[in-house]
Protein backbone atom coordinates (compact mmCIF):
# COMPACT_ATOMS: atom_id res chain seq x y z
CA MET A 1 4.86 63.30 -25.45
CA LYS A 2 6.61 61.11 -27.44
CA SER A 3 5.55 57.70 -28.27
CA LEU A 4 6.03 54.96 -25.76
CA ASN A 5 8.97 52.58 -26.65
CA PHE A 6 7.38 48.74 -26.61
CA ARG A 7 10.59 47.55 -26.78
CA HIS A 8 11.60 49.09 -23.31
CA LEU A 9 8.55 48.13 -22.01
CA LEU A 10 8.72 44.37 -23.07
CA TYR A 11 11.97 44.05 -21.12
CA PHE A 12 10.44 45.69 -18.13
CA TRP A 13 8.03 43.42 -18.45
CA GLN A 14 10.70 40.08 -18.58
CA VAL A 15 12.44 41.67 -15.29
CA ALA A 16 9.42 41.92 -13.73
CA LYS A 17 8.13 38.51 -13.93
CA SER A 18 11.35 36.58 -13.44
CA GLY A 19 11.93 39.18 -10.34
CA HIS A 20 15.91 38.68 -11.98
CA LEU A 21 17.73 41.11 -14.10
CA THR A 22 20.46 38.45 -14.70
CA ARG A 23 17.96 35.79 -15.78
CA SER A 24 16.16 38.06 -17.80
CA ALA A 25 18.82 39.25 -19.85
CA SER A 26 20.17 35.94 -20.72
CA GLU A 27 16.68 34.80 -22.18
CA LEU A 28 16.45 38.30 -23.91
CA ARG A 29 19.86 37.47 -25.36
CA VAL A 30 21.10 41.18 -24.34
CA SER A 31 23.67 42.06 -21.78
CA GLN A 32 22.75 43.05 -18.71
CA SER A 33 24.13 46.77 -18.90
CA ALA A 34 22.22 47.16 -21.61
CA LEU A 35 18.59 45.87 -20.25
CA SER A 36 19.40 48.13 -17.07
CA ALA A 37 20.13 50.88 -19.33
CA GLN A 38 16.44 50.57 -21.18
CA ILE A 39 14.57 50.09 -18.19
CA ARG A 40 15.97 53.08 -17.05
CA GLN A 41 15.25 54.99 -19.77
CA LEU A 42 11.32 53.46 -19.73
CA GLU A 43 11.61 55.19 -16.22
CA GLY A 44 12.65 58.14 -17.65
CA TYR A 45 9.72 58.16 -19.91
CA PHE A 46 7.50 57.95 -16.80
CA GLY A 47 9.13 60.34 -14.82
CA LYS A 48 8.82 57.52 -11.83
CA ALA A 49 10.41 54.86 -10.48
CA LEU A 50 9.39 51.06 -11.33
CA PHE A 51 11.73 49.27 -9.01
CA ASP A 52 13.30 49.45 -5.51
CA ARG A 53 16.74 48.88 -6.26
CA ALA A 54 18.14 46.82 -3.24
CA GLY A 55 21.95 45.78 -4.14
CA ARG A 56 21.34 42.97 -7.10
CA ARG A 57 17.55 42.58 -5.62
CA LEU A 58 14.66 44.57 -7.48
CA THR A 59 11.60 44.95 -6.16
CA LEU A 60 8.24 46.70 -8.10
CA THR A 61 7.11 49.80 -6.51
CA ASP A 62 3.48 50.63 -6.56
CA PHE A 63 3.54 52.19 -10.19
CA GLY A 64 5.61 49.38 -11.36
CA THR A 65 2.67 47.19 -10.00
CA THR A 66 0.22 49.03 -12.36
CA VAL A 67 2.31 49.62 -14.91
CA LEU A 68 2.97 45.36 -14.81
CA GLY A 69 -0.63 44.80 -15.23
CA TYR A 70 -0.66 47.01 -18.36
CA ALA A 71 2.28 45.06 -19.57
CA ASP A 72 0.27 41.83 -19.05
CA GLU A 73 -2.67 42.76 -21.11
CA ILE A 74 -0.85 44.07 -23.87
CA PHE A 75 1.95 41.30 -24.24
CA GLY A 76 -0.62 38.64 -23.28
CA LEU A 77 -3.01 39.56 -26.00
CA GLY A 78 0.25 39.58 -28.17
CA GLN A 79 0.85 36.08 -27.37
CA GLU A 80 -2.88 35.15 -27.59
CA LEU A 81 -2.85 36.38 -31.29
CA VAL A 82 0.63 33.77 -31.83
CA ALA A 83 -0.85 31.04 -30.39
CA THR A 84 -4.40 31.40 -32.04
CA VAL A 85 -2.71 31.59 -35.46
CA ARG A 86 -0.73 28.42 -34.36
CA GLY A 87 -3.43 26.76 -33.14
CA GLY A 88 -4.87 26.59 -36.42
CA MET A 89 -7.62 29.38 -36.78
CA GLY A 90 -8.21 29.64 -41.00
CA ARG A 91 -6.20 25.92 -40.85
CA HIS A 92 -7.59 23.13 -41.59
CA VAL A 93 -5.72 21.41 -38.32
CA GLN A 94 -5.82 22.31 -34.74
CA GLN A 95 -3.47 22.68 -32.50
CA LEU A 96 -4.63 21.97 -28.37
CA ARG A 97 -1.45 22.29 -25.69
CA VAL A 98 -2.81 20.53 -22.84
CA GLY A 99 -0.74 20.71 -19.31
CA ALA A 100 -1.26 18.12 -16.58
CA VAL A 101 0.39 18.10 -13.20
CA ALA A 102 2.41 15.34 -12.71
CA THR A 103 0.70 13.94 -9.65
CA LEU A 104 -2.37 13.57 -12.08
CA SER A 105 -3.31 10.05 -13.07
CA ARG A 106 -1.99 9.50 -16.65
CA ASN A 107 -4.99 6.91 -17.15
CA PHE A 108 -7.59 10.11 -16.08
CA VAL A 109 -5.86 12.30 -19.01
CA ASP A 110 -5.97 9.40 -21.17
CA ASN A 111 -9.80 8.60 -21.17
CA LEU A 112 -10.40 12.24 -20.95
CA LEU A 113 -8.47 12.95 -24.26
CA ARG A 114 -9.76 9.93 -25.78
CA PRO A 115 -12.10 11.64 -28.03
CA ILE A 116 -9.44 13.43 -29.98
CA LEU A 117 -7.00 11.21 -29.54
CA GLY A 118 -6.01 9.86 -33.88
CA GLU A 119 -8.03 13.20 -35.14
CA SER A 120 -6.15 13.65 -38.13
CA ARG A 121 -7.16 17.31 -38.21
CA ILE A 122 -6.03 18.19 -34.54
CA ARG A 123 -2.18 18.08 -33.40
CA LEU A 124 -1.99 17.49 -29.62
CA SER A 125 0.53 18.65 -27.30
CA LEU A 126 0.97 17.21 -23.57
CA GLU A 127 3.49 18.37 -21.56
CA SER A 128 3.77 17.51 -17.61
CA GLY A 129 5.14 19.46 -14.94
CA THR A 130 3.92 21.04 -11.40
CA LEU A 131 1.04 23.33 -11.40
CA GLU A 132 2.79 26.13 -11.08
CA GLU A 133 5.12 25.55 -13.72
CA LEU A 134 2.37 24.60 -15.85
CA LEU A 135 0.02 27.63 -14.80
CA ASP A 136 3.27 30.09 -15.73
CA ARG A 137 3.24 28.60 -19.23
CA LEU A 138 -0.60 29.20 -19.36
CA GLN A 139 -0.77 32.50 -18.29
CA VAL A 140 1.47 33.60 -21.49
CA HIS A 141 -0.39 31.40 -23.74
CA ASN A 142 1.98 28.26 -24.22
CA LEU A 143 -0.67 26.22 -22.70
CA ASP A 144 -4.45 26.79 -23.47
CA VAL A 145 -5.54 24.49 -20.80
CA VAL A 146 -4.24 22.61 -17.62
CA PHE A 147 -5.93 19.63 -15.80
CA SER A 148 -5.10 19.78 -11.96
CA ASN A 149 -6.55 17.80 -9.20
CA ARG A 150 -5.61 20.83 -7.06
CA PRO A 151 -7.90 24.30 -7.67
CA VAL A 152 -6.20 27.31 -8.33
CA VAL A 153 -7.88 31.09 -7.06
CA ALA A 154 -8.09 33.94 -9.04
CA ASP A 155 -6.54 37.35 -8.71
CA THR A 156 -5.86 40.62 -10.09
CA GLY A 157 -2.70 39.39 -11.48
CA ARG A 158 -3.95 35.57 -12.67
CA PRO A 159 -7.52 35.80 -13.77
CA TRP A 160 -7.83 31.98 -13.84
CA ARG A 161 -10.97 30.37 -14.73
CA CYS A 162 -10.74 26.85 -12.56
CA VAL A 163 -13.48 24.55 -13.44
CA ARG A 164 -14.17 21.09 -11.47
CA ILE A 165 -14.60 18.41 -14.48
CA ASP A 166 -14.94 15.40 -12.39
CA ARG A 167 -14.60 14.03 -8.92
CA GLN A 168 -14.11 10.44 -8.18
CA SER A 169 -14.38 8.42 -5.42
CA VAL A 170 -11.03 6.86 -3.49
CA CYS A 171 -10.48 3.28 -3.32
CA LEU A 172 -8.79 0.71 -1.03
CA VAL A 173 -7.30 -1.97 -3.99
CA GLY A 174 -5.27 -4.64 -3.20
CA PRO A 175 -4.10 -8.45 -4.42
CA PRO A 176 -7.61 -10.63 -5.17
CA ARG A 177 -8.95 -12.33 -1.67
CA ARG A 178 -10.99 -15.12 -1.01
CA ALA A 179 -13.35 -13.04 1.22
CA ALA A 180 -16.54 -11.90 -0.42
CA ARG A 181 -16.70 -8.41 1.33
CA PHE A 182 -13.88 -6.09 2.71
CA ARG A 183 -15.32 -4.56 5.77
CA LEU A 184 -14.29 -0.89 6.76
CA PRO A 185 -12.81 -0.21 9.15
CA ALA A 186 -12.58 -3.76 11.04
CA ASP A 187 -10.81 -5.65 7.94
CA ALA A 188 -8.23 -2.41 7.33
CA ALA A 189 -6.98 -2.54 11.04
CA GLY A 190 -3.23 -3.64 11.00
CA GLN A 191 -3.17 -3.74 7.31
CA ARG A 192 -0.09 -2.53 5.35
CA PHE A 193 -1.10 0.44 3.00
CA VAL A 194 0.20 1.98 0.32
CA VAL A 195 -1.14 5.82 0.35
CA PRO A 196 -0.17 9.43 -1.58
CA GLY A 197 1.88 11.36 0.42
CA PRO A 198 1.58 14.29 2.84
CA SER A 199 1.19 16.77 0.25
CA SER A 200 -1.46 14.72 -1.73
CA ASP A 201 -5.42 15.79 -0.78
CA ILE A 202 -6.22 12.08 -0.78
CA ARG A 203 -3.79 11.61 1.97
CA SER A 204 -5.10 14.40 3.98
CA GLN A 205 -9.03 13.28 3.82
CA PHE A 206 -7.96 9.63 4.56
CA ASP A 207 -5.94 10.47 7.17
CA ALA A 208 -9.01 12.62 8.83
CA TRP A 209 -11.13 9.61 8.12
CA CYS A 210 -8.74 6.78 10.08
CA GLU A 211 -8.29 9.36 12.78
CA LYS A 212 -12.15 9.54 13.17
CA ARG A 213 -12.60 6.31 13.46
CA LYS A 214 -9.39 5.32 15.81
CA LEU A 215 -8.34 3.29 13.15
CA ARG A 216 -4.35 2.79 13.03
CA ILE A 217 -2.57 1.34 9.84
CA GLU A 218 0.86 0.62 9.12
CA VAL A 219 2.25 2.68 6.04
CA ALA A 220 4.24 0.47 4.26
CA ALA A 221 5.09 3.44 1.69
CA GLU A 222 3.80 6.97 0.47
CA VAL A 223 4.57 8.57 -3.01
CA ASP A 224 3.44 11.62 -4.42
CA ASP A 225 3.52 10.30 -8.19
CA MET A 226 0.07 8.30 -9.39
CA ALA A 227 2.63 6.21 -12.13
CA MET A 228 4.73 4.66 -9.10
CA LEU A 229 1.20 4.91 -6.88
CA ARG A 230 -0.21 2.18 -9.63
CA LEU A 231 3.23 -0.02 -9.92
CA LEU A 232 3.10 -0.17 -5.86
CA ALA A 233 -0.28 -0.90 -5.91
CA ARG A 234 0.29 -3.97 -8.53
CA ASP A 235 3.67 -5.05 -7.19
CA SER A 236 3.63 -4.42 -3.10
CA GLY A 237 1.03 -7.01 -2.50
CA ALA A 238 -0.18 -3.88 0.25
CA ILE A 239 -3.42 -1.92 0.09
CA THR A 240 -3.45 1.08 -1.60
CA VAL A 241 -5.78 4.16 -1.55
CA LEU A 242 -6.28 5.51 -4.70
CA PRO A 243 -8.68 6.37 -7.30
CA GLU A 244 -10.10 3.83 -9.24
CA VAL A 245 -8.98 5.31 -12.77
CA VAL A 246 -5.81 4.61 -11.84
CA VAL A 247 -5.41 1.47 -11.80
CA GLN A 248 -8.21 0.60 -14.61
CA ASP A 249 -6.38 -1.98 -16.56
CA GLU A 250 -5.20 -3.92 -13.40
CA LEU A 251 -8.74 -4.46 -12.29
CA ARG A 252 -9.85 -5.16 -15.73
CA ASP A 253 -7.65 -8.10 -15.52
CA GLY A 254 -8.08 -9.58 -12.62
CA ARG A 255 -4.30 -8.45 -11.06
CA LEU A 256 -6.18 -6.10 -8.71
CA ARG A 257 -9.57 -5.93 -6.90
CA ARG A 258 -11.09 -3.30 -5.61
CA TYR A 259 -12.45 -3.72 -2.18
CA CYS A 260 -14.26 -0.96 -1.55
CA SER A 261 -14.58 3.00 -1.42
CA ILE A 262 -13.76 5.53 1.78
CA PRO A 263 -17.32 6.82 2.45
CA GLY A 264 -16.67 10.71 1.74
CA VAL A 265 -12.83 10.62 0.79
CA PHE A 266 -12.64 11.97 -3.28
CA GLU A 267 -10.23 13.14 -5.42
CA ASN A 268 -11.48 16.44 -7.61
CA PHE A 269 -10.14 16.74 -11.24
CA TYR A 270 -10.13 20.61 -12.40
CA ALA A 271 -9.38 22.23 -15.74
CA ILE A 272 -7.36 25.56 -15.79
CA THR A 273 -7.85 28.41 -18.56
CA VAL A 274 -7.03 31.97 -18.80
CA GLN A 275 -9.97 34.32 -20.72
CA ARG A 276 -8.98 34.62 -24.07
CA ARG A 277 -10.78 36.29 -26.94
CA HIS A 278 -10.65 33.17 -29.25
CA PRO A 279 -10.69 30.17 -27.01
CA PRO A 280 -9.53 26.56 -29.19
CA PRO A 281 -12.99 25.25 -30.17
CA ILE A 282 -11.92 21.58 -29.84
CA LEU A 283 -10.97 22.50 -26.10
CA GLN A 284 -14.59 23.95 -25.73
CA SER A 285 -15.92 20.91 -27.05
CA LEU A 286 -13.89 18.71 -25.68
CA LEU A 287 -15.11 20.02 -21.86
CA ALA A 288 -18.13 20.00 -22.89
CA HIS A 289 -18.65 16.61 -23.77
CA ARG A 290 -16.46 15.11 -21.30
CA PRO A 291 -17.40 11.72 -19.74
CA ALA A 292 -19.34 11.00 -16.74
CA THR A 293 -17.07 10.63 -13.82
CA ALA A 294 -16.53 6.91 -12.46
CA GLU A 295 -18.92 7.55 -9.03
CA ALA A 296 -21.89 8.78 -11.14
CA SER A 297 -21.64 6.02 -13.67
CA ARG A 298 -21.33 2.75 -11.15
CA PRO A 299 -24.70 1.81 -10.37
CA ALA A 300 -25.55 3.02 -6.50
CA ALA A 301 -25.79 -0.64 -5.07
CA ALA A 302 -21.53 -1.07 -6.12
CA ARG A 303 -20.80 2.56 -4.35
């Protein structure tokens, strides 16, 4: 049996990952007809169909799914090799490529990465996007880690390693007020609130908390992006529901005041990686020495 043509396998892998022949042809810089012909040659080599074809749609056959699993390992390992070499194996400078979901607090990411900021031996690359976009880049080793406020579940196609690295209390913050204490739920009734968007886990927890206590509030604004939530907390004059870390600077300089934490409502933070033979040493060190959570570091009387 003649040797497997790995270029044909690569073309199959690209098409199977994207699910789109035209897009894959553009990315590979080959004509659509040439790409289709080489995939058919691979099918001829195996003697089995890799795709079911219905018009322009391509759907993996059971055999195609099996081949895709092997192709993931083959080309994933190759991209890991490139990532390892570029990341600093045997070199003085290490590269760390971080993805952070767009809804994550910039302050949280900054606090987490602070131990390596300014290190001359480390080159940091940081990009933002949706969780799905960042996971796609992580899978092919274009990122070393993704920080998220949503967990992911591993499966055979995507063996994620998802570790919770922090948990922070969700608070009510707002303009400085005369009253020394803010009582929940009494002082919240009828107030205007800025809250995270409906897709946020914080919002789900907060809505459930209010419903259980029959607390009715006026929603002045709902925002998915934490950077915008921070601005509205500072400028709207309404009470805002968020983790304290989002507005740590405004609390420190007195522009905002932390009224109270919401019992039982938290935001969780996760580090998502994929299995690698040579994970970046700086990433291992960073996650091993991550800072204590705000909840754990605050005196008990203040919680």
